[in-house]
Structure formats: structure tokens, C-alpha cells
Amino acid sequence: MSDMMPGFSVTAVKGVIADTLRLFVGHGRRLSWSDLAEATGDKERKLRSYVEEGGPEMPLDVFMRVFTVLPPEAFARVARFMGFSAAPLDVDDQATVRRALAQSARLVADGNEFLEDGVLSPRERAQLRDRASALLPVLQSIAGNGSTH
């Protein structure tokens, strides 16, 4: 693998993960360490250890929990280093928080209505899938640019 990707090593990957955590987590960043710990179910001290000099390797299950909570660009940063291109975010230039809430409410209302009989028909499942697909770019746009209205 190192022949195909010069500079690639466990130590280098640990460094990229640690640098990425420092960019997104901590005082004045997008997320506090305690918020990350609460969102992932991991102990704050354990999470902080991954940015310390000589800290442990982050197990895959922890990596998945942490990078699911962090913004998509955090995962994209690590993926690029490892030679993968992260899928581009599908954005919606007209996204607003109000629109996201309205679409989310419609998805929830439809889901509750469809589940009244305890079973999702193929048609209902398709409708929910379409509503969720339409909602994703709106949510990703808000997460990426912090739209507030």
C-alpha cells in the first residue's frame, strides 16, 4: 500500500485524524469535547486521547461514531488523505432552516400516517424515500453554510 500512496502509514493517518479533530472539536470550534462525548457515547477523556502526542489509534467503531457527528467536511478531509474522494455534497441554494423544518415535518407526518396500520406498502415506502431524498440536500446545505432563516 505504501508504494501506491507515499507517506501513507498508521502514524500519518493518526496524525490526520488528530489534526482533523483539532480543527472541529474544542473550545471555540464547532463542537466541544463534552458535546462530542455525549453524542457518541464515548468518554470525553478517551476522545481527547486521540489528539495527544503518542495517543492511541482510534478504533474503527469510534471513528465511525465520531465522524458521523462531525460535519461532512471532516470525514472528507481524512478520506482525501487516504486516497479516496468523498462524494460531493448535494446542495440546495434555496435551503433555509424554515424549509428544512417544513420538509422534515411533512416526512414525519407522512411516516406516522403510513405506519398507522403497522405496515409500509411499497408505494408508501417509495413516497418516504422520495421525501427523504429531497430533504437531504436541504439539510446538507444548512450544515455546510449555517443558513439561519
N, C-alpha and C. Protein backbone atom coordinates (compact mmCIF):
# COMPACT_ATOMS: atom_id res chain seq x y z
N MET A 1 0.83 -1.19 0.00
CA MET A 1 0.00 0.00 0.00
C MET A 1 0.87 1.24 0.00
N SER A 2 1.97 1.25 0.76
CA SER A 2 2.79 2.45 0.84
C SER A 2 3.46 2.77 -0.49
N ASP A 3 3.65 1.75 -1.39
CA ASP A 3 4.19 2.04 -2.71
C ASP A 3 3.20 2.86 -3.53
N MET A 4 1.90 2.58 -3.38
CA MET A 4 0.88 3.29 -4.12
C MET A 4 0.61 4.67 -3.52
N MET A 5 0.80 4.82 -2.24
CA MET A 5 0.48 6.07 -1.55
C MET A 5 1.68 6.48 -0.69
N PRO A 6 2.67 7.12 -1.28
CA PRO A 6 3.84 7.53 -0.49
C PRO A 6 3.40 8.37 0.71
N GLY A 7 4.03 8.13 1.83
CA GLY A 7 3.69 8.88 3.03
C GLY A 7 2.55 8.28 3.83
N PHE A 8 1.92 7.24 3.29
CA PHE A 8 0.81 6.62 3.99
C PHE A 8 1.35 5.66 5.04
N SER A 9 0.91 5.85 6.27
CA SER A 9 1.30 4.95 7.36
C SER A 9 0.27 5.11 8.47
N VAL A 10 0.29 4.18 9.40
CA VAL A 10 -0.61 4.28 10.55
C VAL A 10 -0.35 5.59 11.29
N THR A 11 0.92 5.93 11.45
CA THR A 11 1.28 7.17 12.15
C THR A 11 0.74 8.38 11.41
N ALA A 12 0.85 8.38 10.08
CA ALA A 12 0.35 9.51 9.30
C ALA A 12 -1.17 9.63 9.40
N VAL A 13 -1.86 8.50 9.33
CA VAL A 13 -3.33 8.52 9.43
C VAL A 13 -3.73 9.01 10.82
N LYS A 14 -3.05 8.52 11.86
CA LYS A 14 -3.34 9.01 13.22
C LYS A 14 -3.18 10.52 13.28
N GLY A 15 -2.14 11.03 12.63
CA GLY A 15 -1.90 12.47 12.62
C GLY A 15 -3.00 13.25 11.92
N VAL A 16 -3.47 12.74 10.80
CA VAL A 16 -4.56 13.41 10.07
C VAL A 16 -5.85 13.39 10.89
N ILE A 17 -6.13 12.27 11.51
CA ILE A 17 -7.33 12.19 12.36
C ILE A 17 -7.21 13.17 13.52
N ALA A 18 -6.06 13.21 14.17
CA ALA A 18 -5.86 14.14 15.29
C ALA A 18 -5.98 15.59 14.83
N ASP A 19 -5.34 15.93 13.70
CA ASP A 19 -5.43 17.30 13.18
C ASP A 19 -6.87 17.67 12.84
N THR A 20 -7.60 16.73 12.27
CA THR A 20 -9.00 16.98 11.91
C THR A 20 -9.83 17.21 13.16
N LEU A 21 -9.62 16.40 14.18
CA LEU A 21 -10.35 16.60 15.44
C LEU A 21 -10.04 17.98 16.01
N ARG A 22 -8.77 18.39 15.97
CA ARG A 22 -8.40 19.70 16.50
C ARG A 22 -9.09 20.83 15.73
N LEU A 23 -9.32 20.64 14.44
CA LEU A 23 -9.99 21.66 13.63
C LEU A 23 -11.46 21.84 14.00
N PHE A 24 -12.10 20.74 14.37
CA PHE A 24 -13.55 20.76 14.55
C PHE A 24 -14.03 20.65 16.00
N VAL A 25 -13.15 20.21 16.91
CA VAL A 25 -13.59 19.95 18.28
C VAL A 25 -12.72 20.73 19.26
N GLY A 26 -13.37 21.32 20.24
CA GLY A 26 -12.66 22.04 21.29
C GLY A 26 -13.24 23.43 21.49
N HIS A 27 -12.67 24.16 22.40
CA HIS A 27 -13.16 25.50 22.74
C HIS A 27 -13.13 26.40 21.51
N GLY A 28 -14.26 27.01 21.20
CA GLY A 28 -14.36 27.91 20.06
C GLY A 28 -14.50 27.22 18.72
N ARG A 29 -14.65 25.91 18.73
CA ARG A 29 -14.81 25.17 17.48
C ARG A 29 -16.27 24.79 17.30
N ARG A 30 -16.56 23.97 16.33
CA ARG A 30 -17.96 23.59 16.04
C ARG A 30 -18.61 22.77 17.13
N LEU A 31 -17.78 22.02 17.87
CA LEU A 31 -18.29 21.10 18.88
C LEU A 31 -17.33 21.07 20.06
N SER A 32 -17.86 21.01 21.25
CA SER A 32 -16.99 20.85 22.42
C SER A 32 -16.69 19.37 22.61
N TRP A 33 -15.64 19.08 23.38
CA TRP A 33 -15.31 17.69 23.66
C TRP A 33 -16.45 17.00 24.42
N SER A 34 -17.06 17.73 25.33
CA SER A 34 -18.15 17.12 26.10
C SER A 34 -19.37 16.85 25.21
N ASP A 35 -19.65 17.74 24.25
CA ASP A 35 -20.75 17.50 23.32
C ASP A 35 -20.46 16.29 22.44
N LEU A 36 -19.22 16.17 21.99
CA LEU A 36 -18.84 15.02 21.17
C LEU A 36 -18.99 13.73 21.97
N ALA A 37 -18.55 13.76 23.21
CA ALA A 37 -18.66 12.58 24.08
C ALA A 37 -20.13 12.19 24.27
N GLU A 38 -20.96 13.18 24.51
CA GLU A 38 -22.39 12.90 24.70
C GLU A 38 -23.02 12.33 23.43
N ALA A 39 -22.64 12.89 22.28
CA ALA A 39 -23.23 12.45 21.01
C ALA A 39 -22.78 11.05 20.61
N THR A 40 -21.56 10.67 20.98
CA THR A 40 -21.04 9.37 20.56
C THR A 40 -21.21 8.28 21.61
N GLY A 41 -21.40 8.69 22.88
CA GLY A 41 -21.47 7.71 23.96
C GLY A 41 -20.11 7.28 24.46
N ASP A 42 -19.05 7.94 23.97
CA ASP A 42 -17.69 7.64 24.43
C ASP A 42 -17.31 8.61 25.54
N LYS A 43 -16.35 8.23 26.35
CA LYS A 43 -15.88 9.10 27.42
C LYS A 43 -15.06 10.23 26.83
N GLU A 44 -15.25 11.43 27.37
CA GLU A 44 -14.53 12.60 26.88
C GLU A 44 -13.03 12.39 26.94
N ARG A 45 -12.53 11.85 28.03
CA ARG A 45 -11.09 11.63 28.18
C ARG A 45 -10.55 10.71 27.08
N LYS A 46 -11.31 9.67 26.76
CA LYS A 46 -10.91 8.75 25.69
C LYS A 46 -10.82 9.49 24.36
N LEU A 47 -11.82 10.32 24.05
CA LEU A 47 -11.82 11.05 22.79
C LEU A 47 -10.65 12.03 22.71
N ARG A 48 -10.37 12.71 23.81
CA ARG A 48 -9.24 13.65 23.83
C ARG A 48 -7.91 12.94 23.63
N SER A 49 -7.83 11.68 24.04
CA SER A 49 -6.56 10.95 23.92
C SER A 49 -6.13 10.78 22.47
N TYR A 50 -7.07 10.84 21.53
CA TYR A 50 -6.74 10.64 20.12
C TYR A 50 -6.02 11.84 19.51
N VAL A 51 -5.99 12.97 20.20
CA VAL A 51 -5.26 14.14 19.68
C VAL A 51 -3.96 14.37 20.43
N GLU A 52 -3.70 13.57 21.45
CA GLU A 52 -2.48 13.73 22.23
C GLU A 52 -1.29 13.12 21.51
N GLU A 53 -0.13 13.71 21.71
CA GLU A 53 1.12 13.15 21.18
C GLU A 53 1.29 11.73 21.71
N GLY A 54 1.49 10.78 20.81
CA GLY A 54 1.66 9.39 21.22
C GLY A 54 0.37 8.72 21.66
N GLY A 55 -0.77 9.35 21.36
CA GLY A 55 -2.06 8.78 21.75
C GLY A 55 -2.36 7.49 21.01
N PRO A 56 -3.40 6.81 21.42
CA PRO A 56 -3.74 5.51 20.81
C PRO A 56 -4.32 5.67 19.41
N GLU A 57 -4.34 4.57 18.67
CA GLU A 57 -5.04 4.54 17.39
C GLU A 57 -6.53 4.54 17.68
N MET A 58 -7.29 5.24 16.86
CA MET A 58 -8.73 5.28 17.03
C MET A 58 -9.34 4.03 16.39
N PRO A 59 -10.02 3.20 17.18
CA PRO A 59 -10.68 2.01 16.61
C PRO A 59 -11.75 2.42 15.60
N LEU A 60 -12.03 1.56 14.65
CA LEU A 60 -12.97 1.88 13.58
C LEU A 60 -14.35 2.23 14.12
N ASP A 61 -14.84 1.52 15.14
CA ASP A 61 -16.18 1.83 15.65
C ASP A 61 -16.23 3.24 16.24
N VAL A 62 -15.16 3.66 16.91
CA VAL A 62 -15.11 5.02 17.47
C VAL A 62 -15.02 6.03 16.32
N PHE A 63 -14.17 5.73 15.33
CA PHE A 63 -14.04 6.60 14.17
C PHE A 63 -15.40 6.84 13.53
N MET A 64 -16.17 5.78 13.33
CA MET A 64 -17.48 5.91 12.69
C MET A 64 -18.43 6.76 13.53
N ARG A 65 -18.43 6.56 14.84
CA ARG A 65 -19.30 7.37 15.71
C ARG A 65 -18.88 8.84 15.67
N VAL A 66 -17.58 9.08 15.78
CA VAL A 66 -17.08 10.46 15.83
C VAL A 66 -17.33 11.18 14.51
N PHE A 67 -16.98 10.54 13.40
CA PHE A 67 -17.08 11.23 12.12
C PHE A 67 -18.50 11.27 11.58
N THR A 68 -19.41 10.55 12.20
CA THR A 68 -20.83 10.71 11.89
C THR A 68 -21.37 11.98 12.54
N VAL A 69 -20.83 12.33 13.69
CA VAL A 69 -21.26 13.52 14.42
C VAL A 69 -20.64 14.79 13.82
N LEU A 70 -19.40 14.70 13.39
CA LEU A 70 -18.70 15.87 12.85
C LEU A 70 -19.29 16.25 11.49
N PRO A 71 -19.05 17.49 11.05
CA PRO A 71 -19.54 17.91 9.73
C PRO A 71 -18.93 17.04 8.61
N PRO A 72 -19.61 16.91 7.49
CA PRO A 72 -19.13 16.06 6.40
C PRO A 72 -17.71 16.41 5.92
N GLU A 73 -17.34 17.67 6.00
CA GLU A 73 -16.01 18.05 5.53
C GLU A 73 -14.89 17.46 6.39
N ALA A 74 -15.20 17.09 7.63
CA ALA A 74 -14.20 16.44 8.48
C ALA A 74 -13.87 15.06 7.93
N PHE A 75 -14.90 14.27 7.61
CA PHE A 75 -14.66 12.96 7.03
C PHE A 75 -13.98 13.09 5.67
N ALA A 76 -14.42 14.06 4.86
CA ALA A 76 -13.83 14.27 3.54
C ALA A 76 -12.34 14.54 3.64
N ARG A 77 -11.92 15.26 4.66
CA ARG A 77 -10.50 15.58 4.86
C ARG A 77 -9.69 14.30 5.09
N VAL A 78 -10.18 13.42 5.94
CA VAL A 78 -9.48 12.16 6.21
C VAL A 78 -9.53 11.25 4.98
N ALA A 79 -10.68 11.18 4.33
CA ALA A 79 -10.82 10.33 3.14
C ALA A 79 -9.86 10.75 2.04
N ARG A 80 -9.74 12.06 1.80
CA ARG A 80 -8.81 12.55 0.77
C ARG A 80 -7.38 12.12 1.07
N PHE A 81 -6.98 12.24 2.33
CA PHE A 81 -5.62 11.84 2.71
C PHE A 81 -5.38 10.37 2.40
N MET A 82 -6.41 9.56 2.62
CA MET A 82 -6.27 8.11 2.43
C MET A 82 -6.47 7.69 0.98
N GLY A 83 -6.62 8.67 0.08
CA GLY A 83 -6.71 8.36 -1.34
C GLY A 83 -8.11 8.14 -1.87
N PHE A 84 -9.12 8.46 -1.07
CA PHE A 84 -10.50 8.32 -1.50
C PHE A 84 -11.08 9.68 -1.76
N SER A 85 -11.90 9.77 -2.77
CA SER A 85 -12.59 11.03 -2.96
C SER A 85 -13.96 10.88 -2.34
N ALA A 86 -14.25 11.77 -1.43
CA ALA A 86 -15.56 11.73 -0.77
C ALA A 86 -16.61 12.21 -1.77
N ALA A 87 -17.79 11.63 -1.70
CA ALA A 87 -18.86 12.05 -2.59
C ALA A 87 -19.16 13.52 -2.36
N PRO A 88 -19.34 14.27 -3.43
CA PRO A 88 -19.64 15.69 -3.24
C PRO A 88 -20.99 15.86 -2.55
N LEU A 89 -21.08 16.89 -1.77
CA LEU A 89 -22.34 17.17 -1.11
C LEU A 89 -23.33 17.68 -2.14
N ASP A 90 -24.53 17.18 -2.06
CA ASP A 90 -25.60 17.66 -2.91
C ASP A 90 -26.20 18.85 -2.17
N VAL A 91 -26.05 20.05 -2.72
CA VAL A 91 -26.51 21.24 -2.02
C VAL A 91 -27.71 21.85 -2.71
N ASP A 92 -28.44 22.63 -1.96
CA ASP A 92 -29.63 23.32 -2.43
C ASP A 92 -29.45 24.80 -2.13
N ASP A 93 -29.29 25.61 -3.17
CA ASP A 93 -29.03 27.04 -2.98
C ASP A 93 -30.19 27.77 -2.32
N GLN A 94 -31.38 27.19 -2.32
CA GLN A 94 -32.55 27.83 -1.73
C GLN A 94 -32.84 27.33 -0.32
N ALA A 95 -31.90 26.59 0.27
CA ALA A 95 -32.12 25.97 1.58
C ALA A 95 -32.22 27.01 2.68
N THR A 96 -33.19 26.83 3.53
CA THR A 96 -33.34 27.63 4.75
C THR A 96 -33.73 26.69 5.87
N VAL A 97 -33.52 27.13 7.08
CA VAL A 97 -33.93 26.32 8.23
C VAL A 97 -35.44 26.12 8.19
N ARG A 98 -36.16 27.15 7.84
CA ARG A 98 -37.63 27.06 7.78
C ARG A 98 -38.05 25.98 6.77
N ARG A 99 -37.40 25.97 5.62
CA ARG A 99 -37.72 24.96 4.60
C ARG A 99 -37.37 23.56 5.09
N ALA A 100 -36.23 23.42 5.75
CA ALA A 100 -35.83 22.11 6.28
C ALA A 100 -36.84 21.61 7.30
N LEU A 101 -37.29 22.50 8.16
CA LEU A 101 -38.27 22.11 9.18
C LEU A 101 -39.60 21.71 8.54
N ALA A 102 -40.03 22.45 7.53
CA ALA A 102 -41.29 22.13 6.85
C ALA A 102 -41.21 20.77 6.17
N GLN A 103 -40.09 20.53 5.47
CA GLN A 103 -39.94 19.24 4.79
C GLN A 103 -39.80 18.10 5.79
N SER A 104 -39.12 18.35 6.89
CA SER A 104 -38.98 17.33 7.93
C SER A 104 -40.33 17.01 8.54
N ALA A 105 -41.11 18.03 8.80
CA ALA A 105 -42.45 17.83 9.38
C ALA A 105 -43.33 17.00 8.44
N ARG A 106 -43.24 17.28 7.15
CA ARG A 106 -44.03 16.53 6.17
C ARG A 106 -43.60 15.06 6.15
N LEU A 107 -42.29 14.82 6.21
CA LEU A 107 -41.76 13.45 6.24
C LEU A 107 -42.28 12.71 7.47
N VAL A 108 -42.21 13.36 8.62
CA VAL A 108 -42.68 12.74 9.87
C VAL A 108 -44.18 12.49 9.82
N ALA A 109 -44.95 13.47 9.34
CA ALA A 109 -46.41 13.31 9.26
C ALA A 109 -46.77 12.15 8.34
N ASP A 110 -46.13 12.11 7.18
CA ASP A 110 -46.41 11.00 6.26
C ASP A 110 -46.02 9.67 6.87
N GLY A 111 -44.87 9.61 7.49
CA GLY A 111 -44.41 8.37 8.11
C GLY A 111 -45.38 7.89 9.16
N ASN A 112 -45.83 8.80 10.01
CA ASN A 112 -46.79 8.41 11.05
C ASN A 112 -48.11 7.94 10.45
N GLU A 113 -48.57 8.64 9.42
CA GLU A 113 -49.83 8.26 8.77
C GLU A 113 -49.69 6.88 8.11
N PHE A 114 -48.58 6.68 7.40
CA PHE A 114 -48.38 5.41 6.70
C PHE A 114 -48.24 4.24 7.67
N LEU A 115 -47.72 4.50 8.85
CA LEU A 115 -47.49 3.42 9.83
C LEU A 115 -48.69 3.16 10.75
N GLU A 116 -49.78 3.88 10.54
CA GLU A 116 -50.96 3.67 11.38
C GLU A 116 -51.41 2.21 11.36
N ASP A 117 -51.31 1.57 10.21
CA ASP A 117 -51.73 0.16 10.13
C ASP A 117 -50.58 -0.79 10.47
N GLY A 118 -49.42 -0.24 10.80
CA GLY A 118 -48.29 -1.06 11.21
C GLY A 118 -47.44 -1.61 10.07
N VAL A 119 -47.80 -1.30 8.82
CA VAL A 119 -47.09 -1.84 7.66
C VAL A 119 -46.88 -0.73 6.63
N LEU A 120 -45.68 -0.69 6.05
CA LEU A 120 -45.43 0.24 4.95
C LEU A 120 -45.63 -0.50 3.63
N SER A 121 -46.52 0.00 2.80
CA SER A 121 -46.70 -0.59 1.48
C SER A 121 -45.53 -0.14 0.59
N PRO A 122 -45.31 -0.82 -0.52
CA PRO A 122 -44.24 -0.38 -1.44
C PRO A 122 -44.44 1.07 -1.90
N ARG A 123 -45.68 1.48 -2.12
CA ARG A 123 -45.96 2.85 -2.54
C ARG A 123 -45.61 3.83 -1.42
N GLU A 124 -45.99 3.51 -0.19
CA GLU A 124 -45.68 4.37 0.95
C GLU A 124 -44.17 4.46 1.18
N ARG A 125 -43.51 3.33 1.07
CA ARG A 125 -42.05 3.30 1.23
C ARG A 125 -41.40 4.19 0.18
N ALA A 126 -41.88 4.13 -1.06
CA ALA A 126 -41.33 4.95 -2.15
C ALA A 126 -41.57 6.44 -1.87
N GLN A 127 -42.74 6.77 -1.36
CA GLN A 127 -43.04 8.17 -1.04
C GLN A 127 -42.12 8.69 0.06
N LEU A 128 -41.90 7.88 1.08
CA LEU A 128 -40.99 8.29 2.16
C LEU A 128 -39.56 8.44 1.64
N ARG A 129 -39.15 7.51 0.79
CA ARG A 129 -37.81 7.58 0.21
C ARG A 129 -37.65 8.88 -0.60
N ASP A 130 -38.67 9.22 -1.39
CA ASP A 130 -38.59 10.44 -2.20
C ASP A 130 -38.55 11.69 -1.32
N ARG A 131 -39.36 11.72 -0.27
CA ARG A 131 -39.35 12.88 0.65
C ARG A 131 -37.99 13.00 1.34
N ALA A 132 -37.45 11.87 1.79
CA ALA A 132 -36.14 11.89 2.46
C ALA A 132 -35.05 12.33 1.49
N SER A 133 -35.10 11.85 0.26
CA SER A 133 -34.10 12.24 -0.75
C SER A 133 -34.16 13.73 -1.04
N ALA A 134 -35.35 14.30 -1.06
CA ALA A 134 -35.50 15.74 -1.30
C ALA A 134 -35.02 16.56 -0.10
N LEU A 135 -35.12 15.98 1.08
CA LEU A 135 -34.72 16.69 2.30
C LEU A 135 -33.20 16.72 2.49
N LEU A 136 -32.50 15.68 2.06
CA LEU A 136 -31.05 15.59 2.29
C LEU A 136 -30.26 16.79 1.77
N PRO A 137 -30.45 17.25 0.53
CA PRO A 137 -29.67 18.40 0.07
C PRO A 137 -29.95 19.67 0.88
N VAL A 138 -31.17 19.81 1.35
CA VAL A 138 -31.52 20.97 2.18
C VAL A 138 -30.75 20.90 3.49
N LEU A 139 -30.75 19.74 4.13
CA LEU A 139 -30.03 19.58 5.40
C LEU A 139 -28.52 19.75 5.20
N GLN A 140 -27.98 19.18 4.13
CA GLN A 140 -26.55 19.30 3.88
C GLN A 140 -26.16 20.75 3.61
N SER A 141 -27.01 21.49 2.93
CA SER A 141 -26.72 22.90 2.66
C SER A 141 -26.70 23.71 3.94
N ILE A 142 -27.65 23.46 4.80
CA ILE A 142 -27.70 24.17 6.08
C ILE A 142 -26.49 23.82 6.92
N ALA A 143 -26.14 22.54 6.97
CA ALA A 143 -24.99 22.10 7.76
C ALA A 143 -23.70 22.71 7.21
N GLY A 144 -23.63 22.88 5.90
CA GLY A 144 -22.41 23.40 5.29
C GLY A 144 -22.25 24.89 5.36
N ASN A 145 -23.37 25.63 5.34
CA ASN A 145 -23.22 27.09 5.32
C ASN A 145 -23.88 27.81 6.48
N GLY A 146 -24.50 27.08 7.36
CA GLY A 146 -25.07 27.69 8.55
C GLY A 146 -26.25 28.62 8.30
N SER A 147 -27.03 28.38 7.26
CA SER A 147 -28.21 29.20 6.98
C SER A 147 -29.09 29.28 8.22
N THR A 148 -29.59 30.46 8.51
CA THR A 148 -30.34 30.64 9.75
C THR A 148 -31.79 31.05 9.57
N HIS A 149 -32.26 31.21 8.37
CA HIS A 149 -33.65 31.67 8.20
C HIS A 149 -34.45 30.78 7.31
